[in-house]
C-alpha atoms as a PDB file:
ATOM      1  CA  UNK A   1      82.807 -34.631 145.654  1.00  0.00           C
ATOM      2  CA  UNK A   2      79.339 -33.071 145.865  1.00  0.00           C
ATOM      3  CA  UNK A   3      78.983 -29.311 146.131  1.00  0.00           C
ATOM      4  CA  UNK A   4      75.977 -28.162 148.124  1.00  0.00           C
ATOM      5  CA  UNK A   5      74.722 -24.581 147.665  1.00  0.00           C
ATOM      6  CA  UNK A   6      72.132 -22.721 149.609  1.00  0.00           C
ATOM      7  CA  UNK A   7      69.092 -21.627 147.589  1.00  0.00           C
ATOM      8  CA  UNK A   8      69.918 -17.948 148.041  1.00  0.00           C
ATOM      9  CA  UNK A   9      73.487 -18.482 146.865  1.00  0.00           C
ATOM     10  CA  UNK A  10      72.322 -20.415 143.810  1.00  0.00           C
ATOM     11  CA  UNK A  11      69.896 -17.653 142.827  1.00  0.00           C
ATOM     12  CA  UNK A  12      72.614 -15.014 143.124  1.00  0.00           C
ATOM     13  CA  UNK A  13      74.988 -17.126 141.032  1.00  0.00           C
ATOM     14  CA  UNK A  14      72.415 -17.741 138.255  1.00  0.00           C
ATOM     15  CA  UNK A  15      71.348 -14.092 138.232  1.00  0.00           C
ATOM     16  CA  UNK A  16      74.936 -12.931 138.029  1.00  0.00           C
ATOM     17  CA  UNK A  17      75.709 -15.323 135.187  1.00  0.00           C
ATOM     18  CA  UNK A  18      72.652 -14.175 133.222  1.00  0.00           C
ATOM     19  CA  UNK A  19      73.589 -10.532 133.668  1.00  0.00           C
ATOM     20  CA  UNK A  20      77.133 -11.242 132.514  1.00  0.00           C
ATOM     21  CA  UNK A  21      75.791 -13.063 129.468  1.00  0.00           C
ATOM     22  CA  UNK A  22      73.623 -10.081 128.526  1.00  0.00           C
ATOM     23  CA  UNK A  23      76.577  -7.710 128.899  1.00  0.00           C
ATOM     24  CA  UNK A  24      78.766  -9.988 126.775  1.00  0.00           C
ATOM     25  CA  UNK A  25      76.105 -10.349 124.098  1.00  0.00           C
ATOM     26  CA  UNK A  26      75.526  -6.601 124.004  1.00  0.00           C
ATOM     27  CA  UNK A  27      79.234  -5.891 123.760  1.00  0.00           C
ATOM     28  CA  UNK A  28      79.719  -8.318 120.879  1.00  0.00           C
ATOM     29  CA  UNK A  29      76.495  -7.361 119.085  1.00  0.00           C
ATOM     30  CA  UNK A  30      75.100 -10.891 119.283  1.00  0.00           C
ATOM     31  CA  UNK A  31      71.635 -10.178 120.662  1.00  0.00           C
ATOM     32  CA  UNK A  32      68.847 -11.275 118.331  1.00  0.00           C
ATOM     33  CA  UNK A  33      67.237  -7.840 118.273  1.00  0.00           C
ATOM     34  CA  UNK A  34      70.530  -6.198 117.285  1.00  0.00           C
ATOM     35  CA  UNK A  35      71.164  -8.670 114.467  1.00  0.00           C
ATOM     36  CA  UNK A  36      67.641  -8.242 113.104  1.00  0.00           C
ATOM     37  CA  UNK A  37      67.935  -4.463 113.288  1.00  0.00           C
ATOM     38  CA  UNK A  38      71.161  -4.535 111.309  1.00  0.00           C
ATOM     39  CA  UNK A  39      69.656  -6.780 108.651  1.00  0.00           C
ATOM     40  CA  UNK A  40      66.505  -4.699 108.276  1.00  0.00           C
ATOM     41  CA  UNK A  41      68.398  -1.407 108.139  1.00  0.00           C
ATOM     42  CA  UNK A  42      70.720  -2.651 105.412  1.00  0.00           C
ATOM     43  CA  UNK A  43      67.949  -3.422 102.898  1.00  0.00           C
ATOM     44  CA  UNK A  44      69.394  -3.515  99.375  1.00  0.00           C
ATOM     45  CA  UNK A  45      72.567  -1.766 100.508  1.00  0.00           C
ATOM     46  CA  UNK A  46      74.432   0.916  98.606  1.00  0.00           C
ATOM     47  CA  UNK A  47      73.103   2.166  95.273  1.00  0.00           C
ATOM     48  CA  UNK A  48      75.042   3.668  92.407  1.00  0.00           C
ATOM     49  CA  UNK A  49      74.113   4.702  88.888  1.00  0.00           C
ATOM     50  CA  UNK A  50      76.369   4.308  85.877  1.00  0.00           C
ATOM     51  CA  UNK A  51      75.984   5.083  82.188  1.00  0.00           C
ATOM     52  CA  UNK A  52      75.649   1.631  80.634  1.00  0.00           C
ATOM     53  CA  UNK A  53      76.080   3.138  77.174  1.00  0.00           C
ATOM     54  CA  UNK A  54      75.859   6.448  75.345  1.00  0.00           C
ATOM     55  CA  UNK A  55      74.568   6.783  71.795  1.00  0.00           C
ATOM     56  CA  UNK A  56      75.976   9.832  69.988  1.00  0.00           C
ATOM     57  CA  UNK A  57      75.425  10.884  66.396  1.00  0.00           C
ATOM     58  CA  UNK A  58      75.908  14.221  64.654  1.00  0.00           C
ATOM     59  CA  UNK A  59      75.187  15.176  61.050  1.00  0.00           C
ATOM     60  CA  UNK A  60      74.535  18.508  59.336  1.00  0.00           C
ATOM     61  CA  UNK A  61      70.889  18.456  60.407  1.00  0.00           C
ATOM     62  CA  UNK A  62      70.680  15.824  63.124  1.00  0.00           C
ATOM     63  CA  UNK A  63      72.166  15.494  66.585  1.00  0.00           C
ATOM     64  CA  UNK A  64      71.675  12.953  69.347  1.00  0.00           C
ATOM     65  CA  UNK A  65      73.213  12.180  72.695  1.00  0.00           C
ATOM     66  CA  UNK A  66      71.259   9.503  74.517  1.00  0.00           C
ATOM     67  CA  UNK A  67      72.689   8.277  77.796  1.00  0.00           C
ATOM     68  CA  UNK A  68      71.365   4.921  79.015  1.00  0.00           C
ATOM     69  CA  UNK A  69      71.772   4.678  82.807  1.00  0.00           C
ATOM     70  CA  UNK A  70      71.863   1.513  84.875  1.00  0.00           C
ATOM     71  CA  UNK A  71      71.107   1.207  88.582  1.00  0.00           C
ATOM     72  CA  UNK A  72      73.408  -1.090  90.548  1.00  0.00           C
ATOM     73  CA  UNK A  73      72.580  -2.225  94.074  1.00  0.00           C
ATOM     74  CA  UNK A  74      74.785  -3.890  96.663  1.00  0.00           C
ATOM     75  CA  UNK A  75      72.173  -6.616  97.173  1.00  0.00           C
ATOM     76  CA  UNK A  76      69.742  -8.091  94.667  1.00  0.00           C
ATOM     77  CA  UNK A  77      66.804  -5.816  93.902  1.00  0.00           C
ATOM     78  CA  UNK A  78      63.941  -6.957  91.699  1.00  0.00           C
ATOM     79  CA  UNK A  79      62.824  -3.339  91.460  1.00  0.00           C
ATOM     80  CA  UNK A  80      66.200  -2.140  90.181  1.00  0.00           C
ATOM     81  CA  UNK A  81      66.212  -4.878  87.543  1.00  0.00           C
ATOM     82  CA  UNK A  82      62.712  -3.868  86.428  1.00  0.00           C
ATOM     83  CA  UNK A  83      63.652  -0.185  86.226  1.00  0.00           C
ATOM     84  CA  UNK A  84      66.799  -0.962  84.243  1.00  0.00           C
ATOM     85  CA  UNK A  85      64.741  -2.921  81.713  1.00  0.00           C
ATOM     86  CA  UNK A  86      62.226  -0.079  81.395  1.00  0.00           C
ATOM     87  CA  UNK A  87      64.933   2.551  80.910  1.00  0.00           C
ATOM     88  CA  UNK A  88      66.699   0.418  78.310  1.00  0.00           C
ATOM     89  CA  UNK A  89      63.470  -0.198  76.390  1.00  0.00           C
ATOM     90  CA  UNK A  90      62.631   3.517  76.469  1.00  0.00           C
ATOM     91  CA  UNK A  91      66.056   4.719  75.307  1.00  0.00           C
ATOM     92  CA  UNK A  92      66.334   1.928  72.707  1.00  0.00           C
ATOM     93  CA  UNK A  93      63.061   3.197  71.250  1.00  0.00           C
ATOM     94  CA  UNK A  94      64.393   6.750  71.032  1.00  0.00           C
ATOM     95  CA  UNK A  95      67.587   5.559  69.343  1.00  0.00           C
ATOM     96  CA  UNK A  96      65.613   3.455  66.860  1.00  0.00           C
ATOM     97  CA  UNK A  97      63.351   6.387  65.944  1.00  0.00           C
ATOM     98  CA  UNK A  98      66.308   8.737  65.569  1.00  0.00           C
ATOM     99  CA  UNK A  99      68.098   6.336  63.219  1.00  0.00           C
ATOM    100  CA  UNK A 100      64.966   6.085  61.066  1.00  0.00           C
ATOM    101  CA  UNK A 101      64.801   9.861  60.802  1.00  0.00           C
ATOM    102  CA  UNK A 102      68.405  10.236  59.647  1.00  0.00           C
ATOM    103  CA  UNK A 103      67.253   9.900  56.039  1.00  0.00           C
ATOM    104  CA  UNK A 104      64.601  12.574  56.450  1.00  0.00           C
ATOM    105  CA  UNK A 105      65.131  16.247  55.785  1.00  0.00           C
ATOM    106  CA  UNK A 106      64.805  18.812  58.517  1.00  0.00           C
ATOM    107  CA  UNK A 107      66.580  19.446  61.765  1.00  0.00           C
ATOM    108  CA  UNK A 108      66.200  17.176  64.761  1.00  0.00           C
ATOM    109  CA  UNK A 109      67.951  16.748  68.072  1.00  0.00           C
ATOM    110  CA  UNK A 110      67.432  14.313  70.935  1.00  0.00           C
ATOM    111  CA  UNK A 111      69.140  14.471  74.308  1.00  0.00           C
ATOM    112  CA  UNK A 112      68.636  12.116  77.245  1.00  0.00           C
ATOM    113  CA  UNK A 113      70.338  12.654  80.593  1.00  0.00           C
ATOM    114  CA  UNK A 114      69.756  11.426  84.140  1.00  0.00           C
ATOM    115  CA  UNK A 115      69.939  12.769  87.677  1.00  0.00           C
ATOM    116  CA  UNK A 116      69.556  11.262  91.152  1.00  0.00           C
ATOM    117  CA  UNK A 117      66.917  13.321  92.971  1.00  0.00           C
ATOM    118  CA  UNK A 118      66.410  11.330  96.167  1.00  0.00           C
ATOM    119  CA  UNK A 119      68.722   8.960  98.005  1.00  0.00           C
ATOM    120  CA  UNK A 120      67.783   8.705 101.674  1.00  0.00           C
ATOM    121  CA  UNK A 121      67.318   5.762 104.040  1.00  0.00           C
ATOM    122  CA  UNK A 122      63.853   4.927 102.739  1.00  0.00           C
ATOM    123  CA  UNK A 123      63.868   5.560  99.005  1.00  0.00           C
ATOM    124  CA  UNK A 124      65.864   6.262  95.875  1.00  0.00           C
ATOM    125  CA  UNK A 125      64.651   8.318  92.908  1.00  0.00           C
ATOM    126  CA  UNK A 126      66.240   8.638  89.480  1.00  0.00           C
ATOM    127  CA  UNK A 127      64.980  11.081  86.855  1.00  0.00           C
ATOM    128  CA  UNK A 128      65.417  10.754  83.097  1.00  0.00           C
ATOM    129  CA  UNK A 129      65.169  14.002  81.146  1.00  0.00           C
ATOM    130  CA  UNK A 130      64.436  13.849  77.423  1.00  0.00           C
ATOM    131  CA  UNK A 131      64.696  16.982  75.281  1.00  0.00           C
ATOM    132  CA  UNK A 132      63.501  16.636  71.694  1.00  0.00           C
ATOM    133  CA  UNK A 133      63.637  19.417  69.130  1.00  0.00           C
ATOM    134  CA  UNK A 134      62.127  19.376  65.653  1.00  0.00           C
ATOM    135  CA  UNK A 135      59.674  22.078  64.598  1.00  0.00           C
ATOM    136  CA  UNK A 136      59.360  22.868  68.304  1.00  0.00           C
ATOM    137  CA  UNK A 137      60.974  21.594  71.473  1.00  0.00           C
ATOM    138  CA  UNK A 138      59.528  19.316  74.117  1.00  0.00           C
ATOM    139  CA  UNK A 139      60.764  18.152  77.494  1.00  0.00           C
ATOM    140  CA  UNK A 140      59.708  14.849  79.036  1.00  0.00           C
ATOM    141  CA  UNK A 141      60.572  13.566  82.485  1.00  0.00           C
ATOM    142  CA  UNK A 142      60.460   9.977  83.668  1.00  0.00           C
ATOM    143  CA  UNK A 143      60.844   9.229  87.366  1.00  0.00           C
ATOM    144  CA  UNK A 144      61.877   5.868  88.788  1.00  0.00           C
ATOM    145  CA  UNK A 145      61.545   5.065  92.493  1.00  0.00           C
ATOM    146  CA  UNK A 146      62.996   2.268  94.624  1.00  0.00           C
ATOM    147  CA  UNK A 147      62.062   1.239  98.152  1.00  0.00           C
ATOM    148  CA  UNK A 148      65.537   0.822  99.669  1.00  0.00           C
ATOM    149  CA  UNK A 149      64.335  -1.565 102.374  1.00  0.00           C
ATOM    150  CA  UNK A 150      62.418  -4.003 100.174  1.00  0.00           C
ATOM    151  CA  UNK A 151      64.105  -3.381  96.820  1.00  0.00           C
ATOM    152  CA  UNK A 152      60.708  -3.019  95.148  1.00  0.00           C
ATOM    153  CA  UNK A 153      59.507  -0.335  92.752  1.00  0.00           C
ATOM    154  CA  UNK A 154      57.580   2.502  94.381  1.00  0.00           C
ATOM    155  CA  UNK A 155      54.891   4.778  92.976  1.00  0.00           C
ATOM    156  CA  UNK A 156      52.944   7.747  94.315  1.00  0.00           C
ATOM    157  CA  UNK A 157      50.313   5.513  95.893  1.00  0.00           C
ATOM    158  CA  UNK A 158      53.031   3.721  97.883  1.00  0.00           C
ATOM    159  CA  UNK A 159      53.476   6.800 100.084  1.00  0.00           C
ATOM    160  CA  UNK A 160      49.927   6.874 101.401  1.00  0.00           C
ATOM    161  CA  UNK A 161      47.631   4.920 103.691  1.00  0.00           C
ATOM    162  CA  UNK A 162      45.313   2.330 102.214  1.00  0.00           C
ATOM    163  CA  UNK A 163      42.184   3.911 100.671  1.00  0.00           C
ATOM    164  CA  UNK A 164      43.480   7.419 101.434  1.00  0.00           C
ATOM    165  CA  UNK A 165      42.078  10.107  99.119  1.00  0.00           C
ATOM    166  CA  UNK A 166      45.545  11.466  98.377  1.00  0.00           C
ATOM    167  CA  UNK A 167      44.657  12.448  94.796  1.00  0.00           C
ATOM    168  CA  UNK A 168      42.015  14.909  95.965  1.00  0.00           C
ATOM    169  CA  UNK A 169      44.177  16.308  98.790  1.00  0.00           C
ATOM    170  CA  UNK A 170      47.143  16.933  96.483  1.00  0.00           C
ATOM    171  CA  UNK A 171      45.018  18.297  93.629  1.00  0.00           C
ATOM    172  CA  UNK A 172      43.316  20.837  95.913  1.00  0.00           C
ATOM    173  CA  UNK A 173      46.681  22.073  97.154  1.00  0.00           C
ATOM    174  CA  UNK A 174      48.037  22.378  93.603  1.00  0.00           C
ATOM    175  CA  UNK A 175      45.003  24.400  92.496  1.00  0.00           C
ATOM    176  CA  UNK A 176      45.493  26.673  95.495  1.00  0.00           C
ATOM    177  CA  UNK A 177      49.138  27.257  94.565  1.00  0.00           C
ATOM    178  CA  UNK A 178      48.240  27.770  90.902  1.00  0.00           C
ATOM    179  CA  UNK A 179      45.712  30.481  91.747  1.00  0.00           C
ATOM    180  CA  UNK A 180      48.208  32.247  94.006  1.00  0.00           C
ATOM    181  CA  UNK A 181      50.869  32.182  91.274  1.00  0.00           C
ATOM    182  CA  UNK A 182      48.399  33.326  88.616  1.00  0.00           C
ATOM    183  CA  UNK A 183      47.946  36.549  90.589  1.00  0.00           C
ATOM    184  CA  UNK A 184      51.642  37.218  89.927  1.00  0.00           C
ATOM    185  CA  UNK A 185      51.389  36.593  86.189  1.00  0.00           C
ATOM    186  CA  UNK A 186      51.851  32.828  85.889  1.00  0.00           C
ATOM    187  CA  UNK A 187      49.603  31.062  83.391  1.00  0.00           C
ATOM    188  CA  UNK A 188      47.986  27.691  84.033  1.00  0.00           C
ATOM    189  CA  UNK A 189      45.142  25.749  82.470  1.00  0.00           C
ATOM    190  CA  UNK A 190      42.754  26.568  85.306  1.00  0.00           C
ATOM    191  CA  UNK A 191      39.578  28.636  85.763  1.00  0.00           C
ATOM    192  CA  UNK A 192      39.380  29.227  82.010  1.00  0.00           C
ATOM    193  CA  UNK A 193      36.520  31.557  81.063  1.00  0.00           C
ATOM    194  CA  UNK A 194      36.141  30.176  77.551  1.00  0.00           C
ATOM    195  CA  UNK A 195      33.668  27.280  77.904  1.00  0.00           C
ATOM    196  CA  UNK A 196      35.130  25.411  74.947  1.00  0.00           C
ATOM    197  CA  UNK A 197      38.592  25.527  76.518  1.00  0.00           C
ATOM    198  CA  UNK A 198      37.479  24.529  80.015  1.00  0.00           C
ATOM    199  CA  UNK A 199      37.815  20.865  79.108  1.00  0.00           C
ATOM    200  CA  UNK A 200      41.590  21.386  79.136  1.00  0.00           C
ATOM    201  CA  UNK A 201      41.592  22.830  82.659  1.00  0.00           C
ATOM    202  CA  UNK A 202      43.561  20.994  85.319  1.00  0.00           C
ATOM    203  CA  UNK A 203      41.237  18.845  87.412  1.00  0.00           C
ATOM    204  CA  UNK A 204      43.238  16.240  89.311  1.00  0.00           C
ATOM    205  CA  UNK A 205      46.644  14.623  89.263  1.00  0.00           C
ATOM    206  CA  UNK A 206      47.009  11.151  87.784  1.00  0.00           C
ATOM    207  CA  UNK A 207      47.363   8.070  89.964  1.00  0.00           C
ATOM    208  CA  UNK A 208      50.868   7.598  88.592  1.00  0.00           C
ATOM    209  CA  UNK A 209      51.755  11.307  88.556  1.00  0.00           C
ATOM    210  CA  UNK A 210      55.461  12.100  88.415  1.00  0.00           C
ATOM    211  CA  UNK A 211      56.941  13.040  91.774  1.00  0.00           C
ATOM    212  CA  UNK A 212      59.985  12.994  94.000  1.00  0.00           C
ATOM    213  CA  UNK A 213      60.824  13.731  97.642  1.00  0.00           C
ATOM    214  CA  UNK A 214      63.008  16.792  98.244  1.00  0.00           C
ATOM    215  CA  UNK A 215      65.790  17.139 100.830  1.00  0.00           C
ATOM    216  CA  UNK A 216      63.330  18.430 103.428  1.00  0.00           C
ATOM    217  CA  UNK A 217      61.117  15.382 103.000  1.00  0.00           C
ATOM    218  CA  UNK A 218      58.356  17.243 101.162  1.00  0.00           C
ATOM    219  CA  UNK A 219      56.509  15.801  98.186  1.00  0.00           C
ATOM    220  CA  UNK A 220      57.165  17.496  94.841  1.00  0.00           C
ATOM    221  CA  UNK A 221      54.594  16.885  92.088  1.00  0.00           C
ATOM    222  CA  UNK A 222      55.975  17.285  88.557  1.00  0.00           C
ATOM    223  CA  UNK A 223      54.243  17.969  85.257  1.00  0.00           C
ATOM    224  CA  UNK A 224      55.570  17.734  81.724  1.00  0.00           C
ATOM    225  CA  UNK A 225      55.680  20.707  79.398  1.00  0.00           C
ATOM    226  CA  UNK A 226      52.184  21.623  78.100  1.00  0.00           C
ATOM    227  CA  UNK A 227      50.510  19.279  80.620  1.00  0.00           C
ATOM    228  CA  UNK A 228      48.975  21.953  82.872  1.00  0.00           C
ATOM    229  CA  UNK A 229      50.317  25.168  81.360  1.00  0.00           C
ATOM    230  CA  UNK A 230      51.505  26.742  78.089  1.00  0.00           C
ATOM    231  CA  UNK A 231      54.987  25.853  76.885  1.00  0.00           C
ATOM    232  CA  UNK A 232      56.271  29.207  78.131  1.00  0.00           C
ATOM    233  CA  UNK A 233      55.855  27.935  81.709  1.00  0.00           C
ATOM    234  CA  UNK A 234      58.201  25.007  81.117  1.00  0.00           C
ATOM    235  CA  UNK A 235      57.691  21.942  83.332  1.00  0.00           C
ATOM    236  CA  UNK A 236      55.784  23.110  86.427  1.00  0.00           C
ATOM    237  CA  UNK A 237      56.511  21.623  89.839  1.00  0.00           C
ATOM    238  CA  UNK A 238      54.554  22.019  93.055  1.00  0.00           C
ATOM    239  CA  UNK A 239      55.897  21.327  96.530  1.00  0.00           C
ATOM    240  CA  UNK A 240      53.359  19.797  98.905  1.00  0.00           C
ATOM    241  CA  UNK A 241      54.350  20.236 102.549  1.00  0.00           C
ATOM    242  CA  UNK A 242      54.365  17.190 104.824  1.00  0.00           C
ATOM    243  CA  UNK A 243      51.920  18.967 107.135  1.00  0.00           C
ATOM    244  CA  UNK A 244      49.369  19.177 104.306  1.00  0.00           C
ATOM    245  CA  UNK A 245      49.575  15.403 103.813  1.00  0.00           C
ATOM    246  CA  UNK A 246      49.833  14.433 107.483  1.00  0.00           C
ATOM    247  CA  UNK A 247      46.446  12.669 107.596  1.00  0.00           C
ATOM    248  CA  UNK A 248      46.996  10.552 104.482  1.00  0.00           C
ATOM    249  CA  UNK A 249      50.712   9.704 104.632  1.00  0.00           C
ATOM    250  CA  UNK A 250      51.775   6.312 105.954  1.00  0.00           C
END
């Protein structure tokens, strides 16, 4: 038996079938765009940080507690593997040096701890804090950043457009904030009157300057103790508003 359809009827039937197919695909999440969106939004998946090991040693004159963190990602991340190797090498070096100094006289303490500073849809930041005390105390921060979509290591330059003069923009803003704070009694290595000491004045941030992104999405530039100020000022941090960086941010 042969079924004969009018052209208008055939068009209505095909159109109706296509519409039904789209509705079905949308309902079941099978459209190509939806699948691709899910895959791209997942990236490296969930991230967690665990203490892989903790080195502890206490004597009459020496004390150490060095926590060695390890980043674990739901999906493979070359960046996470690289960061884990760097953190292990760094903490292994501290442990090795501390063990050598056990035979020496004098007091010494070393503490290493970690904290997750940023964990949003785009990036993840882990900070290592090292406090060392001998004749005097020093604090050192190391920041590690992951692009959660690509799984690659990020740095300060990663946040900005190609060839953007972000170093100058950020440095100008930091100097502005320094001068405002100096009016209230803060002390920074800036605008020094002594010509011989001017060489130590803050000029610009480094290309790989320590940073993190705060909960409001603003950039926070971090300096180690003694880097831009006397030890009494601790480890200065400067928040750079997104509006200040609008022209250079990606």
